[in-house]
Amino acid sequence: MVHVTGDPAVLSGLAAEFPGYEFGTQRTWGGISITAVRQDGAAQPGLYVVVTDDLNEMRHALLEYERLEYERPSRQ
């Protein structure tokens, strides 16, 4: 488990890895968590948000969401 420290390099790295998201930090009960927000560009309209203090969990959630979006039939 890799916990978030609020280091800007972590946010920059995630932004490079997942360019369709806006990343930030948020103080939570457990300390500092990282947030990922995507509003546009997804196959399904709406807001997608992930909040976690575990960097590996964040990557896993975003990769899983991207995989599901890729596999979803388009509705054109």
PDB file of N, CA and C in Angstrom:
ATOM      1  N   MET A   1       0.845  -1.164   0.000  1.00  0.00           N
ATOM      2  CA  MET A   1       0.000   0.000   0.000  1.00  0.00           C
ATOM      3  C   MET A   1       0.896   1.235   0.000  1.00  0.00           C
ATOM      4  N   VAL A   2       0.639   2.156  -0.911  1.00  0.00           N
ATOM      5  CA  VAL A   2       1.382   3.410  -0.990  1.00  0.00           C
ATOM      6  C   VAL A   2       0.428   4.521  -0.609  1.00  0.00           C
ATOM      7  N   HIS A   3       0.656   5.127   0.548  1.00  0.00           N
ATOM      8  CA  HIS A   3      -0.225   6.198   1.012  1.00  0.00           C
ATOM      9  C   HIS A   3       0.169   7.539   0.412  1.00  0.00           C
ATOM     10  N   VAL A   4      -0.818   8.386   0.227  1.00  0.00           N
ATOM     11  CA  VAL A   4      -0.630   9.706  -0.355  1.00  0.00           C
ATOM     12  C   VAL A   4      -0.052  10.643   0.704  1.00  0.00           C
ATOM     13  N   THR A   5       0.911  11.440   0.300  1.00  0.00           N
ATOM     14  CA  THR A   5       1.520  12.408   1.208  1.00  0.00           C
ATOM     15  C   THR A   5       1.212  13.850   0.816  1.00  0.00           C
ATOM     16  N   GLY A   6       0.544  14.057  -0.311  1.00  0.00           N
ATOM     17  CA  GLY A   6       0.296  15.406  -0.800  1.00  0.00           C
ATOM     18  C   GLY A   6       1.414  15.919  -1.687  1.00  0.00           C
ATOM     19  N   ASP A   7       2.370  15.080  -2.023  1.00  0.00           N
ATOM     20  CA  ASP A   7       3.497  15.445  -2.870  1.00  0.00           C
ATOM     21  C   ASP A   7       2.990  15.796  -4.272  1.00  0.00           C
ATOM     22  N   PRO A   8       3.274  17.011  -4.776  1.00  0.00           N
ATOM     23  CA  PRO A   8       2.826  17.396  -6.120  1.00  0.00           C
ATOM     24  C   PRO A   8       3.325  16.462  -7.217  1.00  0.00           C
ATOM     25  N   ALA A   9       4.474  15.819  -7.022  1.00  0.00           N
ATOM     26  CA  ALA A   9       4.999  14.899  -8.034  1.00  0.00           C
ATOM     27  C   ALA A   9       4.068  13.704  -8.218  1.00  0.00           C
ATOM     28  N   VAL A  10       3.395  13.283  -7.147  1.00  0.00           N
ATOM     29  CA  VAL A  10       2.436  12.178  -7.246  1.00  0.00           C
ATOM     30  C   VAL A  10       1.274  12.586  -8.142  1.00  0.00           C
ATOM     31  N   LEU A  11       0.755  13.790  -7.933  1.00  0.00           N
ATOM     32  CA  LEU A  11      -0.363  14.274  -8.753  1.00  0.00           C
ATOM     33  C   LEU A  11       0.062  14.435 -10.212  1.00  0.00           C
ATOM     34  N   SER A  12       1.262  14.939 -10.436  1.00  0.00           N
ATOM     35  CA  SER A  12       1.770  15.102 -11.799  1.00  0.00           C
ATOM     36  C   SER A  12       1.923  13.745 -12.483  1.00  0.00           C
ATOM     37  N   GLY A  13       2.413  12.767 -11.748  1.00  0.00           N
ATOM     38  CA  GLY A  13       2.567  11.423 -12.299  1.00  0.00           C
ATOM     39  C   GLY A  13       1.242  10.806 -12.675  1.00  0.00           C
ATOM     40  N   LEU A  14       0.236  10.973 -11.810  1.00  0.00           N
ATOM     41  CA  LEU A  14      -1.094  10.453 -12.123  1.00  0.00           C
ATOM     42  C   LEU A  14      -1.702  11.182 -13.320  1.00  0.00           C
ATOM     43  N   ALA A  15      -1.517  12.486 -13.391  1.00  0.00           N
ATOM     44  CA  ALA A  15      -2.049  13.267 -14.514  1.00  0.00           C
ATOM     45  C   ALA A  15      -1.427  12.817 -15.836  1.00  0.00           C
ATOM     46  N   ALA A  16      -0.156  12.463 -15.804  1.00  0.00           N
ATOM     47  CA  ALA A  16       0.506  11.961 -17.012  1.00  0.00           C
ATOM     48  C   ALA A  16      -0.005  10.576 -17.385  1.00  0.00           C
ATOM     49  N   GLU A  17      -0.290   9.762 -16.380  1.00  0.00           N
ATOM     50  CA  GLU A  17      -0.755   8.401 -16.616  1.00  0.00           C
ATOM     51  C   GLU A  17      -2.228   8.350 -17.021  1.00  0.00           C
ATOM     52  N   PHE A  18      -3.036   9.258 -16.479  1.00  0.00           N
ATOM     53  CA  PHE A  18      -4.475   9.312 -16.752  1.00  0.00           C
ATOM     54  C   PHE A  18      -4.850  10.738 -17.146  1.00  0.00           C
ATOM     55  N   PRO A  19      -4.602  11.130 -18.399  1.00  0.00           N
ATOM     56  CA  PRO A  19      -4.778  12.534 -18.802  1.00  0.00           C
ATOM     57  C   PRO A  19      -6.225  13.025 -18.807  1.00  0.00           C
ATOM     58  N   GLY A  20      -7.201  12.163 -18.753  1.00  0.00           N
ATOM     59  CA  GLY A  20      -8.599  12.604 -18.792  1.00  0.00           C
ATOM     60  C   GLY A  20      -9.160  13.003 -17.440  1.00  0.00           C
ATOM     61  N   TYR A  21      -8.343  13.008 -16.394  1.00  0.00           N
ATOM     62  CA  TYR A  21      -8.812  13.267 -15.036  1.00  0.00           C
ATOM     63  C   TYR A  21      -8.148  14.501 -14.448  1.00  0.00           C
ATOM     64  N   GLU A  22      -8.836  15.120 -13.499  1.00  0.00           N
ATOM     65  CA  GLU A  22      -8.265  16.195 -12.698  1.00  0.00           C
ATOM     66  C   GLU A  22      -7.950  15.598 -11.329  1.00  0.00           C
ATOM     67  N   PHE A  23      -6.722  15.785 -10.857  1.00  0.00           N
ATOM     68  CA  PHE A  23      -6.296  15.212  -9.586  1.00  0.00           C
ATOM     69  C   PHE A  23      -6.082  16.303  -8.556  1.00  0.00           C
ATOM     70  N   GLY A  24      -6.359  15.969  -7.316  1.00  0.00           N
ATOM     71  CA  GLY A  24      -6.138  16.890  -6.211  1.00  0.00           C
ATOM     72  C   GLY A  24      -6.028  16.108  -4.923  1.00  0.00           C
ATOM     73  N   THR A  25      -5.850  16.833  -3.834  1.00  0.00           N
ATOM     74  CA  THR A  25      -5.816  16.190  -2.524  1.00  0.00           C
ATOM     75  C   THR A  25      -6.954  16.731  -1.674  1.00  0.00           C
ATOM     76  N   GLN A  26      -7.362  15.923  -0.743  1.00  0.00           N
ATOM     77  CA  GLN A  26      -8.469  16.272   0.143  1.00  0.00           C
ATOM     78  C   GLN A  26      -8.168  15.724   1.526  1.00  0.00           C
ATOM     79  N   ARG A  27      -8.330  16.551   2.538  1.00  0.00           N
ATOM     80  CA  ARG A  27      -8.149  16.071   3.903  1.00  0.00           C
ATOM     81  C   ARG A  27      -9.391  15.254   4.293  1.00  0.00           C
ATOM     82  N   THR A  28      -9.146  14.040   4.759  1.00  0.00           N
ATOM     83  CA  THR A  28     -10.229  13.144   5.176  1.00  0.00           C
ATOM     84  C   THR A  28      -9.964  12.699   6.608  1.00  0.00           C
ATOM     85  N   TRP A  29     -10.868  11.893   7.146  1.00  0.00           N
ATOM     86  CA  TRP A  29     -10.705  11.395   8.519  1.00  0.00           C
ATOM     87  C   TRP A  29      -9.381  10.651   8.678  1.00  0.00           C
ATOM     88  N   GLY A  30      -8.950   9.959   7.646  1.00  0.00           N
ATOM     89  CA  GLY A  30      -7.731   9.168   7.733  1.00  0.00           C
ATOM     90  C   GLY A  30      -6.454   9.935   7.429  1.00  0.00           C
ATOM     91  N   GLY A  31      -6.546  11.212   7.100  1.00  0.00           N
ATOM     92  CA  GLY A  31      -5.367  12.007   6.748  1.00  0.00           C
ATOM     93  C   GLY A  31      -5.581  12.686   5.418  1.00  0.00           C
ATOM     94  N   ILE A  32      -4.643  12.543   4.517  1.00  0.00           N
ATOM     95  CA  ILE A  32      -4.746  13.147   3.187  1.00  0.00           C
ATOM     96  C   ILE A  32      -5.106  12.064   2.182  1.00  0.00           C
ATOM     97  N   SER A  33      -6.132  12.335   1.391  1.00  0.00           N
ATOM     98  CA  SER A  33      -6.522  11.423   0.317  1.00  0.00           C
ATOM     99  C   SER A  33      -6.351  12.132  -1.008  1.00  0.00           C
ATOM    100  N   ILE A  34      -6.251  11.346  -2.047  1.00  0.00           N
ATOM    101  CA  ILE A  34      -6.130  11.887  -3.394  1.00  0.00           C
ATOM    102  C   ILE A  34      -7.484  11.734  -4.079  1.00  0.00           C
ATOM    103  N   THR A  35      -7.844  12.725  -4.888  1.00  0.00           N
ATOM    104  CA  THR A  35      -9.105  12.678  -5.613  1.00  0.00           C
ATOM    105  C   THR A  35      -8.831  12.663  -7.112  1.00  0.00           C
ATOM    106  N   ALA A  36      -9.655  11.936  -7.835  1.00  0.00           N
ATOM    107  CA  ALA A  36      -9.612  11.923  -9.293  1.00  0.00           C
ATOM    108  C   ALA A  36     -11.032  12.199  -9.773  1.00  0.00           C
ATOM    109  N   VAL A  37     -11.180  13.194 -10.621  1.00  0.00           N
ATOM    110  CA  VAL A  37     -12.498  13.589 -11.115  1.00  0.00           C
ATOM    111  C   VAL A  37     -12.465  13.608 -12.629  1.00  0.00           C
ATOM    112  N   ARG A  38     -13.491  13.016 -13.223  1.00  0.00           N
ATOM    113  CA  ARG A  38     -13.635  13.048 -14.678  1.00  0.00           C
ATOM    114  C   ARG A  38     -15.074  13.422 -14.988  1.00  0.00           C
ATOM    115  N   GLN A  39     -15.248  14.501 -15.748  1.00  0.00           N
ATOM    116  CA  GLN A  39     -16.587  14.959 -16.094  1.00  0.00           C
ATOM    117  C   GLN A  39     -16.888  14.793 -17.571  1.00  0.00           C
ATOM    118  N   ASP A  40     -15.882  14.933 -18.411  1.00  0.00           N
ATOM    119  CA  ASP A  40     -16.085  14.897 -19.859  1.00  0.00           C
ATOM    120  C   ASP A  40     -15.262  13.771 -20.467  1.00  0.00           C
ATOM    121  N   GLY A  41     -15.635  13.380 -21.661  1.00  0.00           N
ATOM    122  CA  GLY A  41     -14.813  12.461 -22.422  1.00  0.00           C
ATOM    123  C   GLY A  41     -15.092  10.989 -22.171  1.00  0.00           C
ATOM    124  N   ALA A  42     -15.878  10.665 -21.187  1.00  0.00           N
ATOM    125  CA  ALA A  42     -16.179   9.259 -20.921  1.00  0.00           C
ATOM    126  C   ALA A  42     -17.318   8.817 -21.831  1.00  0.00           C
ATOM    127  N   ALA A  43     -17.429   7.528 -22.036  1.00  0.00           N
ATOM    128  CA  ALA A  43     -18.501   6.993 -22.875  1.00  0.00           C
ATOM    129  C   ALA A  43     -19.869   7.261 -22.243  1.00  0.00           C
ATOM    130  N   GLN A  44     -19.912   7.278 -20.935  1.00  0.00           N
ATOM    131  CA  GLN A  44     -21.153   7.575 -20.222  1.00  0.00           C
ATOM    132  C   GLN A  44     -21.075   8.989 -19.666  1.00  0.00           C
ATOM    133  N   PRO A  45     -22.094   9.830 -19.904  1.00  0.00           N
ATOM    134  CA  PRO A  45     -22.066  11.175 -19.346  1.00  0.00           C
ATOM    135  C   PRO A  45     -22.196  11.116 -17.831  1.00  0.00           C
ATOM    136  N   GLY A  46     -21.723  12.142 -17.188  1.00  0.00           N
ATOM    137  CA  GLY A  46     -21.844  12.219 -15.743  1.00  0.00           C
ATOM    138  C   GLY A  46     -20.491  12.376 -15.080  1.00  0.00           C
ATOM    139  N   LEU A  47     -20.517  12.342 -13.785  1.00  0.00           N
ATOM    140  CA  LEU A  47     -19.337  12.574 -12.967  1.00  0.00           C
ATOM    141  C   LEU A  47     -18.813  11.257 -12.429  1.00  0.00           C
ATOM    142  N   TYR A  48     -17.498  11.065 -12.518  1.00  0.00           N
ATOM    143  CA  TYR A  48     -16.847   9.879 -11.960  1.00  0.00           C
ATOM    144  C   TYR A  48     -15.771  10.369 -11.007  1.00  0.00           C
ATOM    145  N   VAL A  49     -15.849   9.964  -9.739  1.00  0.00           N
ATOM    146  CA  VAL A  49     -14.931  10.440  -8.717  1.00  0.00           C
ATOM    147  C   VAL A  49     -14.375   9.263  -7.942  1.00  0.00           C
ATOM    148  N   VAL A  50     -13.072   9.289  -7.668  1.00  0.00           N
ATOM    149  CA  VAL A  50     -12.416   8.304  -6.812  1.00  0.00           C
ATOM    150  C   VAL A  50     -11.713   9.080  -5.713  1.00  0.00           C
ATOM    151  N   VAL A  51     -11.908   8.656  -4.462  1.00  0.00           N
ATOM    152  CA  VAL A  51     -11.210   9.259  -3.329  1.00  0.00           C
ATOM    153  C   VAL A  51     -10.594   8.131  -2.518  1.00  0.00           C
ATOM    154  N   THR A  52      -9.277   8.171  -2.343  1.00  0.00           N
ATOM    155  CA  THR A  52      -8.596   7.144  -1.565  1.00  0.00           C
ATOM    156  C   THR A  52      -7.268   7.691  -1.054  1.00  0.00           C
ATOM    157  N   ASP A  53      -6.763   7.081   0.005  1.00  0.00           N
ATOM    158  CA  ASP A  53      -5.438   7.461   0.492  1.00  0.00           C
ATOM    159  C   ASP A  53      -4.376   6.465   0.038  1.00  0.00           C
ATOM    160  N   ASP A  54      -4.768   5.526  -0.816  1.00  0.00           N
ATOM    161  CA  ASP A  54      -3.863   4.477  -1.296  1.00  0.00           C
ATOM    162  C   ASP A  54      -3.635   4.671  -2.794  1.00  0.00           C
ATOM    163  N   LEU A  55      -2.420   5.017  -3.161  1.00  0.00           N
ATOM    164  CA  LEU A  55      -2.087   5.297  -4.560  1.00  0.00           C
ATOM    165  C   LEU A  55      -2.325   4.088  -5.461  1.00  0.00           C
ATOM    166  N   ASN A  56      -1.996   2.904  -4.982  1.00  0.00           N
ATOM    167  CA  ASN A  56      -2.228   1.693  -5.780  1.00  0.00           C
ATOM    168  C   ASN A  56      -3.714   1.449  -5.998  1.00  0.00           C
ATOM    169  N   GLU A  57      -4.528   1.703  -4.987  1.00  0.00           N
ATOM    170  CA  GLU A  57      -5.978   1.553  -5.122  1.00  0.00           C
ATOM    171  C   GLU A  57      -6.521   2.550  -6.142  1.00  0.00           C
ATOM    172  N   MET A  58      -5.979   3.770  -6.149  1.00  0.00           N
ATOM    173  CA  MET A  58      -6.398   4.785  -7.116  1.00  0.00           C
ATOM    174  C   MET A  58      -6.117   4.304  -8.532  1.00  0.00           C
ATOM    175  N   ARG A  59      -4.907   3.850  -8.774  1.00  0.00           N
ATOM    176  CA  ARG A  59      -4.547   3.362 -10.109  1.00  0.00           C
ATOM    177  C   ARG A  59      -5.444   2.196 -10.529  1.00  0.00           C
ATOM    178  N   HIS A  60      -5.682   1.266  -9.606  1.00  0.00           N
ATOM    179  CA  HIS A  60      -6.517   0.105  -9.910  1.00  0.00           C
ATOM    180  C   HIS A  60      -7.938   0.541 -10.277  1.00  0.00           C
ATOM    181  N   ALA A  61      -8.512   1.457  -9.524  1.00  0.00           N
ATOM    182  CA  ALA A  61      -9.876   1.924  -9.798  1.00  0.00           C
ATOM    183  C   ALA A  61      -9.960   2.623 -11.149  1.00  0.00           C
ATOM    184  N   LEU A  62      -8.984   3.461 -11.464  1.00  0.00           N
ATOM    185  CA  LEU A  62      -9.009   4.175 -12.748  1.00  0.00           C
ATOM    186  C   LEU A  62      -8.793   3.238 -13.926  1.00  0.00           C
ATOM    187  N   LEU A  63      -7.880   2.291 -13.774  1.00  0.00           N
ATOM    188  CA  LEU A  63      -7.657   1.321 -14.851  1.00  0.00           C
ATOM    189  C   LEU A  63      -8.891   0.461 -15.080  1.00  0.00           C
ATOM    190  N   GLU A  64      -9.547   0.054 -14.003  1.00  0.00           N
ATOM    191  CA  GLU A  64     -10.761  -0.756 -14.130  1.00  0.00           C
ATOM    192  C   GLU A  64     -11.865   0.041 -14.821  1.00  0.00           C
ATOM    193  N   TYR A  65     -12.024   1.302 -14.451  1.00  0.00           N
ATOM    194  CA  TYR A  65     -13.041   2.144 -15.074  1.00  0.00           C
ATOM    195  C   TYR A  65     -12.748   2.341 -16.564  1.00  0.00           C
ATOM    196  N   GLU A  66     -11.486   2.592 -16.892  1.00  0.00           N
ATOM    197  CA  GLU A  66     -11.100   2.749 -18.290  1.00  0.00           C
ATOM    198  C   GLU A  66     -11.389   1.472 -19.082  1.00  0.00           C
ATOM    199  N   ARG A  67     -11.096   0.330 -18.491  1.00  0.00           N
ATOM    200  CA  ARG A  67     -11.349  -0.950 -19.154  1.00  0.00           C
ATOM    201  C   ARG A  67     -12.841  -1.126 -19.415  1.00  0.00           C
ATOM    202  N   LEU A  68     -13.666  -0.821 -18.435  1.00  0.00           N
ATOM    203  CA  LEU A  68     -15.110  -0.954 -18.601  1.00  0.00           C
ATOM    204  C   LEU A  68     -15.641   0.011 -19.658  1.00  0.00           C
ATOM    205  N   GLU A  69     -15.115   1.224 -19.682  1.00  0.00           N
ATOM    206  CA  GLU A  69     -15.532   2.199 -20.689  1.00  0.00           C
ATOM    207  C   GLU A  69     -15.146   1.727 -22.089  1.00  0.00           C
ATOM    208  N   TYR A  70     -13.977   1.137 -22.217  1.00  0.00           N
ATOM    209  CA  TYR A  70     -13.496   0.655 -23.514  1.00  0.00           C
ATOM    210  C   TYR A  70     -14.351  -0.511 -24.015  1.00  0.00           C
ATOM    211  N   GLU A  71     -14.777  -1.380 -23.100  1.00  0.00           N
ATOM    212  CA  GLU A  71     -15.547  -2.565 -23.481  1.00  0.00           C
ATOM    213  C   GLU A  71     -17.027  -2.275 -23.710  1.00  0.00           C
ATOM    214  N   ARG A  72     -17.509  -1.164 -23.220  1.00  0.00           N
ATOM    215  CA  ARG A  72     -18.925  -0.821 -23.333  1.00  0.00           C
ATOM    216  C   ARG A  72     -19.267  -0.489 -24.769  1.00  0.00           C
ATOM    217  N   PRO A  73     -20.365  -1.062 -25.295  1.00  0.00           N
ATOM    218  CA  PRO A  73     -20.758  -0.736 -26.669  1.00  0.00           C
ATOM    219  C   PRO A  73     -21.154   0.737 -26.772  1.00  0.00           C
ATOM    220  N   SER A  74     -20.774   1.378 -27.854  1.00  0.00           N
ATOM    221  CA  SER A  74     -21.109   2.802 -28.013  1.00  0.00           C
ATOM    222  C   SER A  74     -22.600   2.946 -28.288  1.00  0.00           C
ATOM    223  N   ARG A  75     -23.126   4.071 -27.840  1.00  0.00           N
ATOM    224  CA  ARG A  75     -24.564   4.351 -28.033  1.00  0.00           C
ATOM    225  C   ARG A  75     -24.707   5.534 -28.974  1.00  0.00           C
ATOM    226  N   GLN A  76     -24.474   5.304 -30.229  1.00  0.00           N
ATOM    227  CA  GLN A  76     -24.572   6.390 -31.202  1.00  0.00           C
ATOM    228  C   GLN A  76     -25.835   6.278 -31.996  1.00  0.00           C
TER     229      GLN A  76
END
